Amino acid sequence: MKTLAISMRSWHAGRLPACTAAALAALVTVVALAIGGCGTVKDQYAASADAQQRAAFESAADAKAGAAIDTKATYLRLVEQMQNEGLWFASLAHIDALEQRWGVSPESTRARADALRQTGQAALSEAAYKRLMGTPLEGAGHRGLGLLAGARGSYPEAVQLLKQAQRQSPTDALLLSDLGYASLRAGEIADARMPLMQALQLSPNNTQAQANLALYLEATDQSEQANKLMEANRMPAATRAAVRAAAQQLRTGAPLAATDAVPLAVRPLSSGTTLERDDVAPPPLALKASRWAGMGGVRTASQLNPSTADSAASPNPTARGTP
């Protein structure tokens, strides 16, 4: 390298012949290319290693995701979560995939029946619910058939079917709320009290149970208690007006308007766990459209603690939550 440096100085000083200078210039070029080429190869090796690491990571992630639903029970939970978030059409596709892999089971049949009911396929849903008879999920079958009967306006039939479901699930608050409302619509107003009181005390934050009990109180001339209940749970004005109008129709025996047969005025947010009230939502009084609707999110001021046979106690102001 010292000789090269001396030669270069001599070249620049014009002391070397032209042929010697050309040869030295070519040598410098070769050395430079060699040095640059080594750097390029090194960079290529590094990029290749990074790509291999990324591919390995993605492959491991895919394998982990596949393993996460590699059991029937886990796949059923995935379907349940989708239905909890209102993805009923998508859940039907996953039920097909689940049954292709693991076969038909009472659990998948119930999930399918619920999804068919929610997507407006009542006849197919009814057939699926009937296939649950004689299985451990027979109660779910009676419940689904009761909801379908209620949707048709056959409330006496709905009451009988929901009572059969209640025998297997006596502490299910949503089922009790459905039974109480069906009893009101069937004209069995006195019989509605017990399941509605049970529903609200078992699930005090359930907005549909709150509205249905308020309807019972209004329909039995307990307007003061109904107002306390609606105020304590901060029901919007549209819901209160719907409760009072429906109660008046029940008292007079007039048929309820078709718009009353809709779920409570709440809608699930993207998380599927929080509910939002809507002051201009449709009337709230009906059998639930979904076994998932009305869960969580809306805080209640207190749990009711009935002090008499036909009244609800005033709310506890210290229990009020932040909406």
Protein backbone atom coordinates (compact mmCIF):
# COMPACT_ATOMS: atom_id res chain seq x y z
CA MET A 1 0.00 0.00 0.00
CA LYS A 2 2.96 2.35 0.74
CA THR A 3 4.38 1.64 -2.72
CA LEU A 4 0.95 2.32 -4.25
CA ALA A 5 0.73 5.62 -2.44
CA ILE A 6 4.22 6.67 -3.65
CA SER A 7 3.34 5.67 -7.18
CA MET A 8 0.13 7.65 -7.05
CA ARG A 9 2.00 10.73 -5.88
CA SER A 10 4.46 10.29 -8.68
CA TRP A 11 1.62 9.87 -11.17
CA HIS A 12 -0.09 13.05 -10.03
CA ALA A 13 3.23 14.83 -10.20
CA GLY A 14 3.52 13.82 -13.90
CA ARG A 15 6.70 11.78 -13.36
CA LEU A 16 5.39 8.46 -14.77
CA PRO A 17 5.00 7.45 -18.36
CA ALA A 18 1.46 7.43 -19.79
CA CYS A 19 1.26 3.64 -20.02
CA THR A 20 2.28 3.30 -16.38
CA ALA A 21 -0.30 5.86 -15.33
CA ALA A 22 -3.04 4.03 -17.21
CA ALA A 23 -2.10 0.77 -15.58
CA LEU A 24 -2.23 2.33 -12.12
CA ALA A 25 -5.60 3.91 -12.85
CA ALA A 26 -6.99 0.53 -13.86
CA LEU A 27 -5.62 -1.01 -10.67
CA VAL A 28 -7.29 1.66 -8.53
CA THR A 29 -10.57 1.04 -10.31
CA VAL A 30 -10.37 -2.70 -9.69
CA VAL A 31 -9.62 -2.17 -5.99
CA ALA A 32 -12.52 0.25 -5.67
CA LEU A 33 -14.94 -2.13 -7.36
CA ALA A 34 -13.77 -4.97 -5.17
CA ILE A 35 -14.33 -2.96 -2.01
CA GLY A 36 -17.74 -1.75 -3.17
CA GLY A 37 -18.72 -5.23 -4.30
CA CYS A 38 -17.98 -6.70 -0.88
CA GLY A 39 -20.28 -4.13 0.72
CA THR A 40 -23.09 -4.93 -1.70
CA VAL A 41 -22.91 -8.66 -1.07
CA LYS A 42 -22.90 -8.06 2.67
CA ASP A 43 -26.03 -5.90 2.37
CA GLN A 44 -27.72 -8.54 0.27
CA TYR A 45 -26.97 -11.20 2.86
CA ALA A 46 -28.47 -8.97 5.60
CA ALA A 47 -31.62 -8.30 3.57
CA SER A 48 -32.01 -11.99 2.86
CA ALA A 49 -31.66 -12.83 6.56
CA ASP A 50 -34.27 -10.21 7.46
CA ALA A 51 -36.69 -11.62 4.90
CA GLN A 52 -36.17 -15.12 6.23
CA GLN A 53 -36.81 -13.95 9.78
CA ARG A 54 -40.00 -12.18 8.74
CA ALA A 55 -41.21 -15.25 6.85
CA ALA A 56 -40.48 -17.46 9.85
CA PHE A 57 -42.33 -15.07 12.16
CA GLU A 58 -45.37 -14.91 9.88
CA SER A 59 -45.39 -18.68 9.54
CA ALA A 60 -45.27 -19.08 13.32
CA ALA A 61 -48.09 -16.54 13.73
CA ASP A 62 -50.24 -18.38 11.19
CA ALA A 63 -49.57 -21.67 12.93
CA LYS A 64 -50.49 -20.16 16.29
CA ALA A 65 -53.73 -18.72 14.88
CA GLY A 66 -54.61 -22.07 13.38
CA ALA A 67 -53.91 -23.82 16.65
CA ALA A 68 -56.14 -21.31 18.46
CA ILE A 69 -59.25 -22.74 16.74
CA ASP A 70 -58.01 -26.28 16.47
CA THR A 71 -60.68 -27.66 18.78
CA LYS A 72 -64.42 -27.85 18.41
CA ALA A 73 -65.05 -26.05 21.69
CA THR A 74 -62.81 -23.16 20.71
CA TYR A 75 -64.49 -22.83 17.32
CA LEU A 76 -67.89 -22.80 19.01
CA ARG A 77 -66.69 -19.95 21.24
CA LEU A 78 -65.61 -18.07 18.14
CA VAL A 79 -69.08 -18.49 16.63
CA GLU A 80 -70.67 -17.40 19.90
CA GLN A 81 -68.50 -14.28 19.99
CA MET A 82 -69.49 -13.41 16.43
CA GLN A 83 -73.17 -13.78 17.30
CA ASN A 84 -72.63 -11.73 20.43
CA GLU A 85 -71.42 -8.94 18.16
CA GLY A 86 -74.39 -9.29 15.82
CA LEU A 87 -72.49 -10.95 12.96
CA TRP A 88 -75.28 -13.44 12.31
CA PHE A 89 -74.74 -13.96 8.58
CA ALA A 90 -71.01 -14.46 9.03
CA SER A 91 -71.62 -16.88 11.88
CA LEU A 92 -73.66 -19.10 9.55
CA ALA A 93 -70.62 -19.49 7.28
CA HIS A 94 -68.46 -20.45 10.25
CA ILE A 95 -71.08 -22.92 11.49
CA ASP A 96 -70.91 -24.59 8.08
CA ALA A 97 -67.12 -24.81 8.38
CA LEU A 98 -67.35 -26.09 11.95
CA GLU A 99 -69.81 -28.85 11.05
CA GLN A 100 -67.80 -29.88 8.01
CA ARG A 101 -64.78 -30.41 10.25
CA TRP A 102 -66.29 -31.83 13.42
CA GLY A 103 -69.81 -32.85 12.45
CA VAL A 104 -73.23 -31.67 13.58
CA SER A 105 -73.81 -31.36 17.35
CA PRO A 106 -76.58 -29.93 19.54
CA GLU A 107 -74.36 -26.89 20.19
CA SER A 108 -73.83 -26.15 16.51
CA THR A 109 -77.53 -26.77 15.82
CA ARG A 110 -78.54 -24.25 18.47
CA ALA A 111 -76.09 -21.68 17.06
CA ARG A 112 -77.48 -22.30 13.58
CA ALA A 113 -81.09 -21.99 14.75
CA ASP A 114 -80.36 -18.68 16.48
CA ALA A 115 -78.58 -17.33 13.40
CA LEU A 116 -81.38 -18.42 11.08
CA ARG A 117 -83.93 -16.71 13.32
CA GLN A 118 -81.88 -13.53 13.39
CA THR A 119 -81.47 -13.49 9.60
CA GLY A 120 -85.19 -13.78 8.90
CA GLN A 121 -85.32 -17.48 8.03
CA ALA A 122 -88.08 -18.46 10.44
CA ALA A 123 -89.05 -21.80 8.88
CA LEU A 124 -85.48 -23.10 8.79
CA SER A 125 -84.91 -21.76 12.29
CA GLU A 126 -87.98 -23.56 13.61
CA ALA A 127 -86.83 -26.84 12.06
CA ALA A 128 -83.41 -26.44 13.68
CA TYR A 129 -84.89 -25.71 17.10
CA LYS A 130 -87.09 -28.81 16.83
CA ARG A 131 -83.99 -30.92 16.21
CA LEU A 132 -82.87 -29.99 19.72
CA MET A 133 -85.76 -31.90 21.28
CA GLY A 134 -84.49 -34.96 23.14
CA THR A 135 -80.98 -33.49 23.46
CA PRO A 136 -79.33 -31.80 26.45
CA LEU A 137 -80.24 -28.47 24.80
CA GLU A 138 -83.97 -29.13 24.64
CA GLY A 139 -84.59 -26.06 26.79
CA ALA A 140 -82.85 -23.87 24.21
CA GLY A 141 -85.11 -25.41 21.60
CA HIS A 142 -88.25 -24.50 23.55
CA ARG A 143 -86.91 -21.01 24.09
CA GLY A 144 -86.21 -20.46 20.41
CA LEU A 145 -89.61 -21.79 19.42
CA GLY A 146 -91.18 -19.47 21.99
CA LEU A 147 -89.40 -16.47 20.51
CA LEU A 148 -90.56 -17.45 17.04
CA ALA A 149 -94.15 -17.80 18.31
CA GLY A 150 -93.91 -14.35 19.89
CA ALA A 151 -92.63 -12.89 16.63
CA ARG A 152 -95.75 -14.30 14.93
CA GLY A 153 -97.96 -12.72 17.58
CA SER A 154 -98.91 -16.11 19.07
CA TYR A 155 -98.31 -14.99 22.65
CA PRO A 156 -100.23 -17.74 24.51
CA GLU A 157 -98.14 -20.31 22.63
CA ALA A 158 -95.00 -18.31 23.38
CA VAL A 159 -95.83 -18.33 27.10
CA GLN A 160 -96.17 -22.11 27.18
CA LEU A 161 -92.95 -22.70 25.28
CA LEU A 162 -90.98 -20.22 27.38
CA LYS A 163 -92.28 -21.82 30.57
CA GLN A 164 -90.92 -25.15 29.36
CA ALA A 165 -87.56 -23.48 28.74
CA GLN A 166 -87.69 -21.89 32.20
CA ARG A 167 -87.86 -25.29 33.85
CA GLN A 168 -84.35 -26.01 32.61
CA SER A 169 -82.97 -22.48 33.11
CA PRO A 170 -84.83 -21.02 36.11
CA THR A 171 -82.26 -18.26 36.78
CA ASP A 172 -81.86 -16.98 33.21
CA ALA A 173 -82.78 -13.30 33.49
CA LEU A 174 -83.27 -12.74 29.78
CA LEU A 175 -85.54 -15.76 29.49
CA LEU A 176 -87.58 -14.54 32.47
CA SER A 177 -87.92 -11.10 30.88
CA ASP A 178 -89.16 -12.69 27.66
CA LEU A 179 -91.64 -14.83 29.59
CA GLY A 180 -92.95 -11.83 31.53
CA TYR A 181 -93.43 -9.77 28.40
CA ALA A 182 -95.12 -12.64 26.55
CA SER A 183 -97.46 -13.01 29.53
CA LEU A 184 -98.37 -9.32 29.34
CA ARG A 185 -99.08 -9.58 25.62
CA ALA A 186 -101.12 -12.76 26.16
CA GLY A 187 -103.33 -10.91 28.64
CA GLU A 188 -101.95 -12.83 31.63
CA ILE A 189 -100.93 -9.63 33.40
CA ALA A 190 -100.95 -10.99 36.95
CA ASP A 191 -98.73 -13.90 35.90
CA ALA A 192 -96.18 -11.49 34.41
CA ARG A 193 -95.19 -9.97 37.75
CA MET A 194 -93.06 -12.80 39.13
CA PRO A 195 -90.81 -13.43 36.10
CA LEU A 196 -90.37 -9.70 35.51
CA MET A 197 -89.36 -9.01 39.12
CA GLN A 198 -87.01 -11.99 39.03
CA ALA A 199 -85.47 -10.83 35.74
CA LEU A 200 -84.64 -7.36 37.02
CA GLN A 201 -83.24 -8.53 40.34
CA LEU A 202 -81.12 -11.18 38.62
CA SER A 203 -79.87 -8.67 36.03
CA PRO A 204 -80.53 -5.12 37.28
CA ASN A 205 -78.57 -3.47 34.45
CA ASN A 206 -80.64 -5.13 31.74
CA THR A 207 -82.49 -2.37 29.93
CA GLN A 208 -85.18 -4.62 28.52
CA ALA A 209 -86.00 -6.08 31.92
CA GLN A 210 -86.28 -2.52 33.23
CA ALA A 211 -88.69 -1.47 30.48
CA ASN A 212 -90.80 -4.61 30.76
CA LEU A 213 -91.20 -4.22 34.51
CA ALA A 214 -92.09 -0.54 34.02
CA LEU A 215 -94.74 -1.68 31.55
CA TYR A 216 -96.17 -4.11 34.10
CA LEU A 217 -96.28 -1.39 36.77
CA GLU A 218 -98.01 1.06 34.41
CA ALA A 219 -100.48 -1.60 33.27
CA THR A 220 -101.43 -2.37 36.88
CA ASP A 221 -102.01 1.29 37.81
CA GLN A 222 -98.72 1.69 39.68
CA SER A 223 -97.62 4.75 37.73
CA GLU A 224 -95.67 6.24 40.62
CA GLN A 225 -93.51 3.14 40.95
CA ALA A 226 -93.13 2.94 37.17
CA ASN A 227 -91.95 6.56 37.07
CA LYS A 228 -89.44 5.92 39.85
CA LEU A 229 -88.08 2.92 38.01
CA MET A 230 -87.74 4.78 34.71
CA GLU A 231 -86.20 7.82 36.37
CA ALA A 232 -83.74 5.73 38.38
CA ASN A 233 -82.53 4.04 35.22
CA ARG A 234 -82.54 7.25 33.17
CA MET A 235 -84.76 5.94 30.42
CA PRO A 236 -85.03 8.36 27.48
CA ALA A 237 -88.27 10.19 26.84
CA ALA A 238 -89.17 8.08 23.80
CA THR A 239 -88.92 4.88 25.83
CA ARG A 240 -91.04 6.28 28.64
CA ALA A 241 -93.71 7.39 26.18
CA ALA A 242 -93.73 3.96 24.55
CA VAL A 243 -94.11 2.24 27.94
CA ARG A 244 -97.09 4.41 28.84
CA ALA A 245 -98.76 3.99 25.45
CA ALA A 246 -98.34 0.22 25.54
CA ALA A 247 -99.67 0.06 29.10
CA GLN A 248 -102.77 2.01 28.05
CA GLN A 249 -103.35 -0.45 25.22
CA LEU A 250 -102.96 -3.40 27.60
CA ARG A 251 -105.45 -1.89 30.04
CA THR A 252 -108.06 -1.27 27.36
CA GLY A 253 -107.49 -4.57 25.57
CA ALA A 254 -106.61 -2.83 22.30
CA PRO A 255 -104.01 -4.58 20.13
CA LEU A 256 -100.53 -3.15 20.35
CA ALA A 257 -99.23 -1.49 17.22
CA ALA A 258 -96.90 -3.49 15.01
CA THR A 259 -94.09 -1.07 15.81
CA ASP A 260 -94.22 -2.22 19.43
CA ALA A 261 -92.87 -5.64 18.45
CA VAL A 262 -89.26 -4.53 18.34
CA PRO A 263 -86.34 -4.86 20.77
CA LEU A 264 -85.52 -2.34 23.43
CA ALA A 265 -84.12 0.94 22.15
CA VAL A 266 -80.46 0.14 22.52
CA ARG A 267 -77.86 -0.79 19.98
CA PRO A 268 -74.56 -2.64 20.46
CA LEU A 269 -71.36 -0.73 19.87
CA SER A 270 -68.36 -2.12 18.02
CA SER A 271 -67.02 -3.82 21.13
CA GLY A 272 -70.21 -5.84 21.47
CA THR A 273 -70.22 -5.21 25.21
CA THR A 274 -71.56 -1.67 25.58
CA LEU A 275 -75.02 -0.39 24.76
CA GLU A 276 -76.06 3.09 23.78
CA ARG A 277 -79.45 4.66 24.37
CA ASP A 278 -81.24 6.50 21.58
CA ASP A 279 -83.86 9.13 22.35
CA VAL A 280 -85.48 8.70 18.95
CA ALA A 281 -85.33 4.91 18.82
CA PRO A 282 -88.45 2.81 18.17
CA PRO A 283 -90.65 1.60 21.04
CA PRO A 284 -88.96 -0.90 23.35
CA LEU A 285 -91.58 -3.44 24.20
CA ALA A 286 -91.23 -6.92 22.79
CA LEU A 287 -89.70 -10.31 23.09
CA LYS A 288 -85.97 -9.96 22.61
CA ALA A 289 -84.79 -10.26 19.04
CA SER A 290 -81.59 -11.81 20.34
CA ARG A 291 -80.50 -13.70 23.40
CA TRP A 292 -77.49 -11.38 23.42
CA ALA A 293 -79.25 -8.04 23.08
CA GLY A 294 -79.57 -5.80 26.10
CA MET A 295 -76.53 -7.07 27.97
CA GLY A 296 -74.30 -4.70 29.91
CA GLY A 297 -73.26 -1.13 29.23
CA VAL A 298 -76.17 0.91 30.59
CA ARG A 299 -75.76 1.53 34.29
CA THR A 300 -78.72 1.34 36.63
CA ALA A 301 -79.13 3.49 39.69
CA SER A 302 -80.02 0.62 41.95
CA GLN A 303 -81.44 -2.85 42.20
CA LEU A 304 -85.13 -2.98 43.03
CA ASN A 305 -86.03 -4.37 46.43
CA PRO A 306 -89.80 -4.83 46.47
CA SER A 307 -91.26 -3.97 49.83
CA THR A 308 -94.82 -5.08 49.01
CA ALA A 309 -96.43 -7.61 46.75
CA ASP A 310 -97.07 -5.14 43.95
CA SER A 311 -94.54 -2.33 44.38
CA ALA A 312 -90.87 -1.61 43.88
CA ALA A 313 -88.78 0.26 46.40
CA SER A 314 -87.30 3.69 45.72
CA PRO A 315 -83.78 3.65 44.27
CA ASN A 316 -80.76 4.04 46.49
CA PRO A 317 -79.18 7.37 45.48
CA THR A 318 -75.76 6.31 46.70
CA ALA A 319 -75.68 3.49 44.16
CA ARG A 320 -75.97 5.76 41.13
CA GLY A 321 -73.29 5.14 38.55
CA THR A 322 -71.79 7.36 35.92
CA PRO A 323 -73.50 6.90 32.57
